[in-house]
Amino acid sequence: MAATLVIAPAGVWAQDDAPPPASPELSEGAEMLSEGMKLLLRGLLAESAEGWSKLVDWLDDLSQYEPPERLPNGDIIIRRKPPPGPDETEI
């Protein structure tokens, strides 16, 4: 019974005519808000790109490490691969 009471008003609102046209002030405010959000997201993207670049530099080349290994006691270790010998060629 309660569900029908919640759904019923939604049907009444759906029958209304189209909303009145927005005022010029409202349109201008929405446009300014949209532009501000674009600037905010661009700034966050620029900062996150810089952060990822720093993280990649900090980690160095991941191909120098073996895959993570879990020990029986629960510890996880990541071993560095041994440097290539004189007879091994790098790809």
N, C-alpha and C. Protein backbone atom coordinates (compact mmCIF):
# COMPACT_ATOMS: atom_id res chain seq x y z
N MET A 1 0.82 -1.19 0.00
CA MET A 1 0.00 0.00 0.00
C MET A 1 0.87 1.26 0.00
N ALA A 2 1.95 1.24 0.80
CA ALA A 2 2.83 2.41 0.87
C ALA A 2 3.53 2.63 -0.46
N ALA A 3 3.85 1.56 -1.16
CA ALA A 3 4.54 1.70 -2.45
C ALA A 3 3.65 2.41 -3.46
N THR A 4 2.36 2.14 -3.43
CA THR A 4 1.47 2.81 -4.38
C THR A 4 1.34 4.29 -4.06
N LEU A 5 1.45 4.65 -2.80
CA LEU A 5 1.38 6.06 -2.44
C LEU A 5 2.61 6.81 -2.91
N VAL A 6 3.75 6.14 -2.92
CA VAL A 6 4.99 6.77 -3.37
C VAL A 6 5.00 6.89 -4.89
N ILE A 7 4.47 5.89 -5.58
CA ILE A 7 4.49 5.87 -7.04
C ILE A 7 3.42 6.80 -7.62
N ALA A 8 2.29 6.92 -6.96
CA ALA A 8 1.18 7.72 -7.49
C ALA A 8 1.56 9.16 -7.77
N PRO A 9 2.23 9.88 -6.86
CA PRO A 9 2.57 11.27 -7.17
C PRO A 9 3.49 11.40 -8.37
N ALA A 10 4.34 10.41 -8.61
CA ALA A 10 5.24 10.49 -9.76
C ALA A 10 4.43 10.52 -11.04
N GLY A 11 3.35 9.75 -11.10
CA GLY A 11 2.50 9.75 -12.28
C GLY A 11 1.81 11.09 -12.48
N VAL A 12 1.44 11.74 -11.38
CA VAL A 12 0.80 13.05 -11.47
C VAL A 12 1.79 14.07 -12.03
N TRP A 13 3.02 14.04 -11.57
CA TRP A 13 4.03 14.98 -12.08
C TRP A 13 4.34 14.73 -13.55
N ALA A 14 4.30 13.50 -13.97
CA ALA A 14 4.61 13.17 -15.36
C ALA A 14 3.56 13.75 -16.30
N GLN A 15 2.36 14.06 -15.82
CA GLN A 15 1.29 14.57 -16.67
C GLN A 15 1.35 16.07 -16.85
N ASP A 16 2.19 16.75 -16.10
CA ASP A 16 2.30 18.21 -16.23
C ASP A 16 2.82 18.58 -17.61
N ASP A 17 2.50 19.79 -18.03
CA ASP A 17 3.02 20.30 -19.30
C ASP A 17 4.52 20.54 -19.16
N ALA A 18 5.15 20.88 -20.27
CA ALA A 18 6.58 21.17 -20.26
C ALA A 18 6.86 22.33 -19.32
N PRO A 19 8.03 22.32 -18.67
CA PRO A 19 8.34 23.42 -17.75
C PRO A 19 8.46 24.74 -18.50
N PRO A 20 8.21 25.84 -17.82
CA PRO A 20 8.33 27.14 -18.49
C PRO A 20 9.77 27.38 -18.90
N PRO A 21 9.98 28.18 -19.93
CA PRO A 21 11.35 28.44 -20.37
C PRO A 21 12.17 29.08 -19.25
N ALA A 22 13.45 28.75 -19.20
CA ALA A 22 14.34 29.25 -18.16
C ALA A 22 14.60 30.74 -18.36
N SER A 23 14.80 31.42 -17.27
CA SER A 23 15.11 32.85 -17.35
C SER A 23 16.54 33.01 -17.85
N PRO A 24 16.85 34.15 -18.43
CA PRO A 24 18.22 34.39 -18.92
C PRO A 24 19.26 34.30 -17.79
N GLU A 25 18.89 34.75 -16.58
CA GLU A 25 19.83 34.68 -15.46
C GLU A 25 20.14 33.23 -15.09
N LEU A 26 19.09 32.39 -15.13
CA LEU A 26 19.28 30.98 -14.80
C LEU A 26 20.15 30.30 -15.84
N SER A 27 19.90 30.61 -17.11
CA SER A 27 20.71 30.02 -18.19
C SER A 27 22.17 30.45 -18.07
N GLU A 28 22.38 31.74 -17.77
CA GLU A 28 23.75 32.24 -17.63
C GLU A 28 24.44 31.59 -16.44
N GLY A 29 23.73 31.44 -15.33
CA GLY A 29 24.30 30.78 -14.15
C GLY A 29 24.65 29.33 -14.42
N ALA A 30 23.78 28.63 -15.13
CA ALA A 30 24.06 27.23 -15.47
C ALA A 30 25.28 27.13 -16.38
N GLU A 31 25.40 28.06 -17.32
CA GLU A 31 26.55 28.06 -18.22
C GLU A 31 27.85 28.33 -17.46
N MET A 32 27.80 29.27 -16.51
CA MET A 32 28.99 29.57 -15.70
C MET A 32 29.36 28.38 -14.82
N LEU A 33 28.36 27.72 -14.28
CA LEU A 33 28.62 26.53 -13.46
C LEU A 33 29.24 25.42 -14.29
N SER A 34 28.74 25.25 -15.50
CA SER A 34 29.28 24.23 -16.40
C SER A 34 30.74 24.54 -16.74
N GLU A 35 31.03 25.79 -17.03
CA GLU A 35 32.41 26.18 -17.36
C GLU A 35 33.34 25.99 -16.16
N GLY A 36 32.84 26.32 -14.97
CA GLY A 36 33.64 26.12 -13.77
C GLY A 36 33.95 24.64 -13.53
N MET A 37 32.97 23.78 -13.75
CA MET A 37 33.20 22.35 -13.58
C MET A 37 34.22 21.83 -14.59
N LYS A 38 34.14 22.33 -15.83
CA LYS A 38 35.12 21.93 -16.85
C LYS A 38 36.54 22.31 -16.41
N LEU A 39 36.69 23.53 -15.90
CA LEU A 39 38.01 23.98 -15.44
C LEU A 39 38.50 23.15 -14.26
N LEU A 40 37.60 22.83 -13.34
CA LEU A 40 37.97 22.01 -12.19
C LEU A 40 38.43 20.63 -12.63
N LEU A 41 37.68 20.01 -13.52
CA LEU A 41 38.05 18.67 -13.98
C LEU A 41 39.35 18.67 -14.78
N ARG A 42 39.55 19.71 -15.58
CA ARG A 42 40.83 19.81 -16.32
C ARG A 42 42.01 19.93 -15.35
N GLY A 43 41.84 20.73 -14.30
CA GLY A 43 42.89 20.89 -13.30
C GLY A 43 43.17 19.59 -12.57
N LEU A 44 42.11 18.87 -12.19
CA LEU A 44 42.31 17.58 -11.52
C LEU A 44 43.00 16.58 -12.43
N LEU A 45 42.62 16.58 -13.71
CA LEU A 45 43.25 15.67 -14.66
C LEU A 45 44.73 15.99 -14.82
N ALA A 46 45.07 17.28 -14.90
CA ALA A 46 46.47 17.68 -15.04
C ALA A 46 47.28 17.25 -13.81
N GLU A 47 46.70 17.44 -12.61
CA GLU A 47 47.42 17.05 -11.40
C GLU A 47 47.56 15.54 -11.29
N SER A 48 46.53 14.81 -11.68
CA SER A 48 46.62 13.35 -11.58
C SER A 48 47.61 12.81 -12.59
N ALA A 49 47.70 13.42 -13.78
CA ALA A 49 48.67 12.98 -14.78
C ALA A 49 50.09 13.19 -14.25
N GLU A 50 50.31 14.31 -13.58
CA GLU A 50 51.62 14.59 -12.99
C GLU A 50 51.93 13.56 -11.90
N GLY A 51 50.93 13.22 -11.11
CA GLY A 51 51.12 12.22 -10.05
C GLY A 51 51.45 10.86 -10.61
N TRP A 52 50.75 10.45 -11.67
CA TRP A 52 51.04 9.15 -12.29
C TRP A 52 52.45 9.14 -12.85
N SER A 53 52.86 10.25 -13.45
CA SER A 53 54.21 10.33 -14.01
C SER A 53 55.26 10.17 -12.90
N LYS A 54 55.04 10.83 -11.77
CA LYS A 54 55.96 10.70 -10.64
C LYS A 54 55.99 9.27 -10.11
N LEU A 55 54.81 8.63 -10.04
CA LEU A 55 54.75 7.25 -9.55
C LEU A 55 55.50 6.31 -10.48
N VAL A 56 55.33 6.47 -11.77
CA VAL A 56 56.03 5.61 -12.72
C VAL A 56 57.54 5.82 -12.63
N ASP A 57 57.96 7.07 -12.49
CA ASP A 57 59.39 7.33 -12.34
C ASP A 57 59.92 6.71 -11.05
N TRP A 58 59.13 6.78 -9.98
CA TRP A 58 59.55 6.23 -8.69
C TRP A 58 59.67 4.72 -8.75
N LEU A 59 58.74 4.08 -9.44
CA LEU A 59 58.78 2.62 -9.55
C LEU A 59 59.86 2.12 -10.49
N ASP A 60 60.36 3.02 -11.32
CA ASP A 60 61.37 2.69 -12.30
C ASP A 60 60.77 1.74 -13.32
N ASP A 61 61.52 0.84 -13.81
CA ASP A 61 61.06 -0.09 -14.83
C ASP A 61 60.58 -1.37 -14.15
N LEU A 62 59.30 -1.67 -14.22
CA LEU A 62 58.75 -2.84 -13.54
C LEU A 62 59.25 -4.15 -14.13
N SER A 63 59.81 -4.12 -15.32
CA SER A 63 60.34 -5.36 -15.90
C SER A 63 61.59 -5.83 -15.16
N GLN A 64 62.13 -5.01 -14.26
CA GLN A 64 63.31 -5.41 -13.48
C GLN A 64 62.93 -6.26 -12.27
N TYR A 65 61.63 -6.51 -12.05
CA TYR A 65 61.18 -7.22 -10.86
C TYR A 65 60.44 -8.51 -11.23
N GLU A 66 60.58 -9.50 -10.36
CA GLU A 66 59.83 -10.75 -10.48
C GLU A 66 58.38 -10.48 -10.03
N PRO A 67 57.46 -11.37 -10.41
CA PRO A 67 56.09 -11.21 -9.90
C PRO A 67 56.06 -11.36 -8.37
N PRO A 68 55.10 -10.74 -7.71
CA PRO A 68 55.02 -10.87 -6.24
C PRO A 68 54.88 -12.34 -5.83
N GLU A 69 55.45 -12.66 -4.67
CA GLU A 69 55.42 -14.04 -4.15
C GLU A 69 54.93 -13.99 -2.71
N ARG A 70 53.94 -14.83 -2.39
CA ARG A 70 53.42 -14.87 -1.02
C ARG A 70 54.11 -16.01 -0.29
N LEU A 71 54.69 -15.70 0.85
CA LEU A 71 55.36 -16.70 1.67
C LEU A 71 54.34 -17.40 2.57
N PRO A 72 54.69 -18.60 3.10
CA PRO A 72 53.75 -19.33 3.96
C PRO A 72 53.29 -18.52 5.19
N ASN A 73 54.11 -17.61 5.67
CA ASN A 73 53.71 -16.81 6.84
C ASN A 73 52.84 -15.61 6.47
N GLY A 74 52.52 -15.44 5.17
CA GLY A 74 51.66 -14.36 4.74
C GLY A 74 52.39 -13.15 4.18
N ASP A 75 53.70 -13.10 4.37
CA ASP A 75 54.48 -11.98 3.82
C ASP A 75 54.46 -12.04 2.29
N ILE A 76 54.51 -10.89 1.68
CA ILE A 76 54.59 -10.79 0.22
C ILE A 76 55.92 -10.14 -0.11
N ILE A 77 56.68 -10.80 -0.98
CA ILE A 77 57.97 -10.23 -1.38
C ILE A 77 57.99 -10.06 -2.89
N ILE A 78 58.70 -9.05 -3.32
CA ILE A 78 58.89 -8.79 -4.74
C ILE A 78 60.40 -8.73 -4.96
N ARG A 79 60.90 -9.73 -5.63
CA ARG A 79 62.35 -9.81 -5.85
C ARG A 79 62.75 -9.07 -7.11
N ARG A 80 63.93 -8.47 -7.04
CA ARG A 80 64.50 -7.83 -8.22
C ARG A 80 65.14 -8.92 -9.07
N LYS A 81 64.95 -8.85 -10.38
CA LYS A 81 65.55 -9.83 -11.29
C LYS A 81 67.07 -9.62 -11.29
N PRO A 82 67.82 -10.71 -11.42
CA PRO A 82 69.29 -10.55 -11.49
C PRO A 82 69.67 -9.81 -12.77
N PRO A 83 70.73 -9.04 -12.72
CA PRO A 83 71.15 -8.31 -13.93
C PRO A 83 71.57 -9.31 -15.01
N PRO A 84 71.36 -8.98 -16.27
CA PRO A 84 71.75 -9.91 -17.34
C PRO A 84 73.26 -10.10 -17.37
N GLY A 85 73.66 -11.35 -17.64
CA GLY A 85 75.08 -11.67 -17.73
C GLY A 85 75.65 -11.20 -19.05
N PRO A 86 76.98 -11.33 -19.21
CA PRO A 86 77.63 -10.85 -20.43
C PRO A 86 77.19 -11.63 -21.68
N ASP A 87 76.77 -12.92 -21.51
CA ASP A 87 76.38 -13.70 -22.68
C ASP A 87 74.89 -13.55 -23.00
N GLU A 88 74.13 -12.93 -22.12
CA GLU A 88 72.70 -12.73 -22.38
C GLU A 88 72.52 -11.41 -23.11
N THR A 89 71.62 -11.43 -24.08
CA THR A 89 71.35 -10.21 -24.84
C THR A 89 70.01 -9.65 -24.37
N GLU A 90 69.92 -8.36 -24.32
CA GLU A 90 68.66 -7.72 -23.94
C GLU A 90 67.79 -7.59 -25.17
N ILE A 91 66.50 -7.72 -24.95
CA ILE A 91 65.55 -7.62 -26.06
C ILE A 91 64.99 -6.24 -26.11
